[in-house]
């Protein structure tokens, strides 16, 4: 895949950020990018909803940690269903719904690594503490992929070892 932008973020990202995520999805699609997410609650779900609402599901892909739709959080499944029904694509993972915590975490981290490996840019929305999002940002930095980070409140911060390798932006960028 070429020109794939990963959209990731904290599960605690408030719904008030959904229109902002949507505007960024639109901006990246207008510039010829496909949009990828991991199918989690928060920024991932907002990006999926934006693709569906903009009639651009065919320009999106979900990197799932799970081997079936039943692994997605219950609140995200309707978004994934609409995304798939309107032409979106899912690359299924190996995790199973109800797996022990260690296996689930391994599947989630593997999903994040697969997403980063396929992307040519990463857009991250940090809100509060988000080890998974920071893990993904760190993976992208190691691969030399441009990373655009939005600090969205809740005490979110970018560790110093990442800050010099990322482009930190605010909501007024669009």
C-alpha atoms as a PDB file:
ATOM      1  CA  UNK A   1       0.000   0.000   0.000  1.00  0.00           C
ATOM      2  CA  UNK A   2       1.279   3.412  -0.810  1.00  0.00           C
ATOM      3  CA  UNK A   3       0.309   6.686   0.750  1.00  0.00           C
ATOM      4  CA  UNK A   4      -1.451   5.200   3.743  1.00  0.00           C
ATOM      5  CA  UNK A   5      -1.974   7.457   6.768  1.00  0.00           C
ATOM      6  CA  UNK A   6      -2.568   5.732  10.080  1.00  0.00           C
ATOM      7  CA  UNK A   7      -5.036   7.403  12.446  1.00  0.00           C
ATOM      8  CA  UNK A   8      -4.522   6.303  16.047  1.00  0.00           C
ATOM      9  CA  UNK A   9      -5.291   7.701  19.446  1.00  0.00           C
ATOM     10  CA  UNK A  10      -6.285   7.399  23.019  1.00  0.00           C
ATOM     11  CA  UNK A  11      -9.425   5.462  23.793  1.00  0.00           C
ATOM     12  CA  UNK A  12     -10.378   8.304  26.112  1.00  0.00           C
ATOM     13  CA  UNK A  13     -10.401  10.910  23.313  1.00  0.00           C
ATOM     14  CA  UNK A  14     -13.636  12.858  23.909  1.00  0.00           C
ATOM     15  CA  UNK A  15     -16.374  12.668  21.280  1.00  0.00           C
ATOM     16  CA  UNK A  16     -16.030  16.454  20.912  1.00  0.00           C
ATOM     17  CA  UNK A  17     -12.875  15.668  18.854  1.00  0.00           C
ATOM     18  CA  UNK A  18     -14.830  13.613  16.311  1.00  0.00           C
ATOM     19  CA  UNK A  19     -15.424  16.574  13.920  1.00  0.00           C
ATOM     20  CA  UNK A  20     -11.721  17.453  14.111  1.00  0.00           C
ATOM     21  CA  UNK A  21     -10.666  13.875  13.312  1.00  0.00           C
ATOM     22  CA  UNK A  22     -13.193  13.915  10.463  1.00  0.00           C
ATOM     23  CA  UNK A  23     -11.687  17.105   9.021  1.00  0.00           C
ATOM     24  CA  UNK A  24      -8.231  15.530   9.078  1.00  0.00           C
ATOM     25  CA  UNK A  25      -9.503  12.351   7.413  1.00  0.00           C
ATOM     26  CA  UNK A  26     -10.996  14.546   4.699  1.00  0.00           C
ATOM     27  CA  UNK A  27      -7.752  16.523   4.307  1.00  0.00           C
ATOM     28  CA  UNK A  28      -5.621  13.366   3.999  1.00  0.00           C
ATOM     29  CA  UNK A  29      -8.033  11.755   1.526  1.00  0.00           C
ATOM     30  CA  UNK A  30      -8.034  14.960  -0.548  1.00  0.00           C
ATOM     31  CA  UNK A  31      -4.241  14.662  -0.730  1.00  0.00           C
ATOM     32  CA  UNK A  32      -4.422  11.130  -2.099  1.00  0.00           C
ATOM     33  CA  UNK A  33      -3.925   9.149   1.103  1.00  0.00           C
ATOM     34  CA  UNK A  34      -5.814   6.090   2.188  1.00  0.00           C
ATOM     35  CA  UNK A  35      -6.721   6.106   5.886  1.00  0.00           C
ATOM     36  CA  UNK A  36      -5.937   3.252   8.269  1.00  0.00           C
ATOM     37  CA  UNK A  37      -7.033   2.635  11.837  1.00  0.00           C
ATOM     38  CA  UNK A  38      -6.942  -0.134  14.382  1.00  0.00           C
ATOM     39  CA  UNK A  39     -10.674  -0.237  15.053  1.00  0.00           C
ATOM     40  CA  UNK A  40     -10.448   0.873  18.681  1.00  0.00           C
ATOM     41  CA  UNK A  41     -12.673   3.235  20.660  1.00  0.00           C
ATOM     42  CA  UNK A  42     -11.871   6.936  20.235  1.00  0.00           C
ATOM     43  CA  UNK A  43      -9.844   8.325  17.327  1.00  0.00           C
ATOM     44  CA  UNK A  44      -9.926   5.011  15.445  1.00  0.00           C
ATOM     45  CA  UNK A  45     -13.711   4.874  15.582  1.00  0.00           C
ATOM     46  CA  UNK A  46     -14.028   8.565  14.675  1.00  0.00           C
ATOM     47  CA  UNK A  47     -11.859   8.036  11.590  1.00  0.00           C
ATOM     48  CA  UNK A  48     -13.967   5.042  10.504  1.00  0.00           C
ATOM     49  CA  UNK A  49     -17.166   7.030  10.954  1.00  0.00           C
ATOM     50  CA  UNK A  50     -15.669   9.904   8.960  1.00  0.00           C
ATOM     51  CA  UNK A  51     -14.783   7.602   6.067  1.00  0.00           C
ATOM     52  CA  UNK A  52     -18.335   6.232   5.997  1.00  0.00           C
ATOM     53  CA  UNK A  53     -19.962   9.678   6.299  1.00  0.00           C
ATOM     54  CA  UNK A  54     -17.727  11.065   3.546  1.00  0.00           C
ATOM     55  CA  UNK A  55     -18.484   8.144   1.218  1.00  0.00           C
ATOM     56  CA  UNK A  56     -14.792   7.227   1.288  1.00  0.00           C
ATOM     57  CA  UNK A  57     -14.811   3.795   2.946  1.00  0.00           C
ATOM     58  CA  UNK A  58     -13.059   2.293  -0.081  1.00  0.00           C
ATOM     59  CA  UNK A  59     -10.135   4.578   0.822  1.00  0.00           C
ATOM     60  CA  UNK A  60      -9.862   3.058   4.277  1.00  0.00           C
ATOM     61  CA  UNK A  61      -8.481  -0.013   5.940  1.00  0.00           C
ATOM     62  CA  UNK A  62      -8.693  -1.407   9.456  1.00  0.00           C
ATOM     63  CA  UNK A  63      -5.801  -3.355  10.893  1.00  0.00           C
ATOM     64  CA  UNK A  64      -7.619  -5.605  13.326  1.00  0.00           C
ATOM     65  CA  UNK A  65      -6.066  -7.326  16.298  1.00  0.00           C
ATOM     66  CA  UNK A  66      -8.900  -9.830  16.095  1.00  0.00           C
ATOM     67  CA  UNK A  67      -9.693 -12.758  13.815  1.00  0.00           C
ATOM     68  CA  UNK A  68     -13.372 -11.746  13.602  1.00  0.00           C
ATOM     69  CA  UNK A  69     -15.649  -8.772  14.188  1.00  0.00           C
ATOM     70  CA  UNK A  70     -16.631 -10.139  17.604  1.00  0.00           C
ATOM     71  CA  UNK A  71     -13.227  -9.047  18.965  1.00  0.00           C
ATOM     72  CA  UNK A  72     -13.902  -5.338  18.423  1.00  0.00           C
ATOM     73  CA  UNK A  73     -15.294  -3.401  21.380  1.00  0.00           C
ATOM     74  CA  UNK A  74     -19.108  -3.585  21.360  1.00  0.00           C
ATOM     75  CA  UNK A  75     -19.376   0.196  20.890  1.00  0.00           C
ATOM     76  CA  UNK A  76     -17.161   0.051  17.773  1.00  0.00           C
ATOM     77  CA  UNK A  77     -18.789  -2.926  16.015  1.00  0.00           C
ATOM     78  CA  UNK A  78     -21.579  -0.852  14.391  1.00  0.00           C
ATOM     79  CA  UNK A  79     -18.951   1.517  12.929  1.00  0.00           C
ATOM     80  CA  UNK A  80     -16.926  -1.424  11.608  1.00  0.00           C
ATOM     81  CA  UNK A  81     -20.070  -3.000  10.145  1.00  0.00           C
ATOM     82  CA  UNK A  82     -21.023   0.239   8.330  1.00  0.00           C
ATOM     83  CA  UNK A  83     -17.428   0.650   7.147  1.00  0.00           C
ATOM     84  CA  UNK A  84     -17.324  -2.884   5.702  1.00  0.00           C
ATOM     85  CA  UNK A  85     -20.811  -2.584   4.162  1.00  0.00           C
ATOM     86  CA  UNK A  86     -19.735   0.569   2.333  1.00  0.00           C
ATOM     87  CA  UNK A  87     -16.555  -0.863   0.804  1.00  0.00           C
ATOM     88  CA  UNK A  88     -13.971  -0.672   3.576  1.00  0.00           C
ATOM     89  CA  UNK A  89     -11.347  -3.356   4.060  1.00  0.00           C
ATOM     90  CA  UNK A  90     -10.153  -5.175   7.180  1.00  0.00           C
ATOM     91  CA  UNK A  91      -6.850  -7.001   7.583  1.00  0.00           C
ATOM     92  CA  UNK A  92      -7.709  -9.515  10.266  1.00  0.00           C
ATOM     93  CA  UNK A  93      -5.360 -10.369  13.107  1.00  0.00           C
ATOM     94  CA  UNK A  94      -4.895 -13.498  15.144  1.00  0.00           C
ATOM     95  CA  UNK A  95      -6.523 -12.523  18.449  1.00  0.00           C
ATOM     96  CA  UNK A  96      -9.775 -14.072  19.551  1.00  0.00           C
ATOM     97  CA  UNK A  97     -12.613 -12.492  21.492  1.00  0.00           C
ATOM     98  CA  UNK A  98     -12.346 -13.342  25.169  1.00  0.00           C
ATOM     99  CA  UNK A  99      -8.658 -14.256  24.952  1.00  0.00           C
ATOM    100  CA  UNK A 100      -6.612 -14.026  28.166  1.00  0.00           C
ATOM    101  CA  UNK A 101      -5.197 -10.556  28.820  1.00  0.00           C
ATOM    102  CA  UNK A 102      -1.628 -11.423  27.798  1.00  0.00           C
ATOM    103  CA  UNK A 103      -2.791 -12.810  24.437  1.00  0.00           C
ATOM    104  CA  UNK A 104      -5.085  -9.833  23.848  1.00  0.00           C
ATOM    105  CA  UNK A 105      -2.292  -7.340  24.586  1.00  0.00           C
ATOM    106  CA  UNK A 106       0.034  -9.258  22.260  1.00  0.00           C
ATOM    107  CA  UNK A 107      -2.601  -9.155  19.484  1.00  0.00           C
ATOM    108  CA  UNK A 108      -3.130  -5.400  20.006  1.00  0.00           C
ATOM    109  CA  UNK A 109       0.590  -4.613  19.896  1.00  0.00           C
ATOM    110  CA  UNK A 110       0.968  -6.787  16.796  1.00  0.00           C
ATOM    111  CA  UNK A 111      -1.894  -4.895  15.163  1.00  0.00           C
ATOM    112  CA  UNK A 112      -0.159  -1.591  15.896  1.00  0.00           C
ATOM    113  CA  UNK A 113       3.100  -2.861  14.396  1.00  0.00           C
ATOM    114  CA  UNK A 114       1.337  -4.080  11.227  1.00  0.00           C
ATOM    115  CA  UNK A 115      -0.420  -0.734  10.867  1.00  0.00           C
ATOM    116  CA  UNK A 116       2.836   1.226  11.223  1.00  0.00           C
ATOM    117  CA  UNK A 117       4.659  -1.073   8.810  1.00  0.00           C
ATOM    118  CA  UNK A 118       2.068  -0.308   6.122  1.00  0.00           C
ATOM    119  CA  UNK A 119       1.876   3.470   6.676  1.00  0.00           C
ATOM    120  CA  UNK A 120       3.745   6.333   5.113  1.00  0.00           C
ATOM    121  CA  UNK A 121       2.466   8.788   7.772  1.00  0.00           C
ATOM    122  CA  UNK A 122       0.929   8.533  11.231  1.00  0.00           C
ATOM    123  CA  UNK A 123      -1.573  10.904  12.845  1.00  0.00           C
ATOM    124  CA  UNK A 124      -1.864  10.450  16.613  1.00  0.00           C
ATOM    125  CA  UNK A 125      -4.367  11.993  19.018  1.00  0.00           C
ATOM    126  CA  UNK A 126      -3.111  11.860  22.601  1.00  0.00           C
ATOM    127  CA  UNK A 127      -5.556  12.349  25.449  1.00  0.00           C
ATOM    128  CA  UNK A 128      -4.639  11.383  28.974  1.00  0.00           C
ATOM    129  CA  UNK A 129      -2.366   8.409  29.380  1.00  0.00           C
ATOM    130  CA  UNK A 130      -2.209   6.161  26.343  1.00  0.00           C
ATOM    131  CA  UNK A 131       0.561   3.601  26.373  1.00  0.00           C
ATOM    132  CA  UNK A 132      -0.745   1.930  23.208  1.00  0.00           C
ATOM    133  CA  UNK A 133      -0.742   5.157  21.216  1.00  0.00           C
ATOM    134  CA  UNK A 134       2.729   6.067  22.480  1.00  0.00           C
ATOM    135  CA  UNK A 135       3.931   2.558  21.545  1.00  0.00           C
ATOM    136  CA  UNK A 136       2.594   3.122  18.035  1.00  0.00           C
ATOM    137  CA  UNK A 137       4.190   6.585  17.792  1.00  0.00           C
ATOM    138  CA  UNK A 138       7.485   5.099  18.954  1.00  0.00           C
ATOM    139  CA  UNK A 139       7.278   2.376  16.282  1.00  0.00           C
ATOM    140  CA  UNK A 140       6.645   4.985  13.571  1.00  0.00           C
ATOM    141  CA  UNK A 141       9.562   7.139  14.764  1.00  0.00           C
ATOM    142  CA  UNK A 142      11.865   4.100  14.657  1.00  0.00           C
ATOM    143  CA  UNK A 143      10.793   3.449  11.069  1.00  0.00           C
ATOM    144  CA  UNK A 144      11.374   7.084  10.082  1.00  0.00           C
ATOM    145  CA  UNK A 145       7.714   7.671   9.258  1.00  0.00           C
ATOM    146  CA  UNK A 146       6.453  11.258   9.641  1.00  0.00           C
ATOM    147  CA  UNK A 147       4.343  11.477  12.804  1.00  0.00           C
ATOM    148  CA  UNK A 148       1.807  14.246  13.428  1.00  0.00           C
ATOM    149  CA  UNK A 149       0.766  14.432  17.075  1.00  0.00           C
ATOM    150  CA  UNK A 150      -2.159  16.337  18.531  1.00  0.00           C
ATOM    151  CA  UNK A 151      -2.104  16.827  22.307  1.00  0.00           C
ATOM    152  CA  UNK A 152      -5.806  16.761  23.155  1.00  0.00           C
ATOM    153  CA  UNK A 153      -5.867  17.353  26.903  1.00  0.00           C
ATOM    154  CA  UNK A 154      -6.443  15.102  29.850  1.00  0.00           C
ATOM    155  CA  UNK A 155      -2.826  15.519  30.889  1.00  0.00           C
ATOM    156  CA  UNK A 156      -1.493  14.149  27.600  1.00  0.00           C
ATOM    157  CA  UNK A 157       2.148  14.793  26.831  1.00  0.00           C
ATOM    158  CA  UNK A 158       4.753  13.577  24.412  1.00  0.00           C
ATOM    159  CA  UNK A 159       7.866  12.161  26.096  1.00  0.00           C
ATOM    160  CA  UNK A 160      11.051  14.091  25.353  1.00  0.00           C
ATOM    161  CA  UNK A 161      12.618  11.190  23.438  1.00  0.00           C
ATOM    162  CA  UNK A 162       9.724  11.355  20.943  1.00  0.00           C
ATOM    163  CA  UNK A 163       9.048  15.096  20.854  1.00  0.00           C
ATOM    164  CA  UNK A 164      12.063  15.938  18.722  1.00  0.00           C
ATOM    165  CA  UNK A 165      11.017  13.325  16.128  1.00  0.00           C
ATOM    166  CA  UNK A 166       7.349  14.303  15.796  1.00  0.00           C
ATOM    167  CA  UNK A 167       5.441  17.236  14.435  1.00  0.00           C
ATOM    168  CA  UNK A 168       3.289  18.464  17.322  1.00  0.00           C
ATOM    169  CA  UNK A 169       0.257  20.403  16.135  1.00  0.00           C
ATOM    170  CA  UNK A 170      -2.853  21.994  17.568  1.00  0.00           C
ATOM    171  CA  UNK A 171      -6.483  21.843  16.450  1.00  0.00           C
ATOM    172  CA  UNK A 172      -6.234  25.058  14.464  1.00  0.00           C
ATOM    173  CA  UNK A 173      -4.025  23.390  11.821  1.00  0.00           C
ATOM    174  CA  UNK A 174      -7.000  22.730   9.496  1.00  0.00           C
END
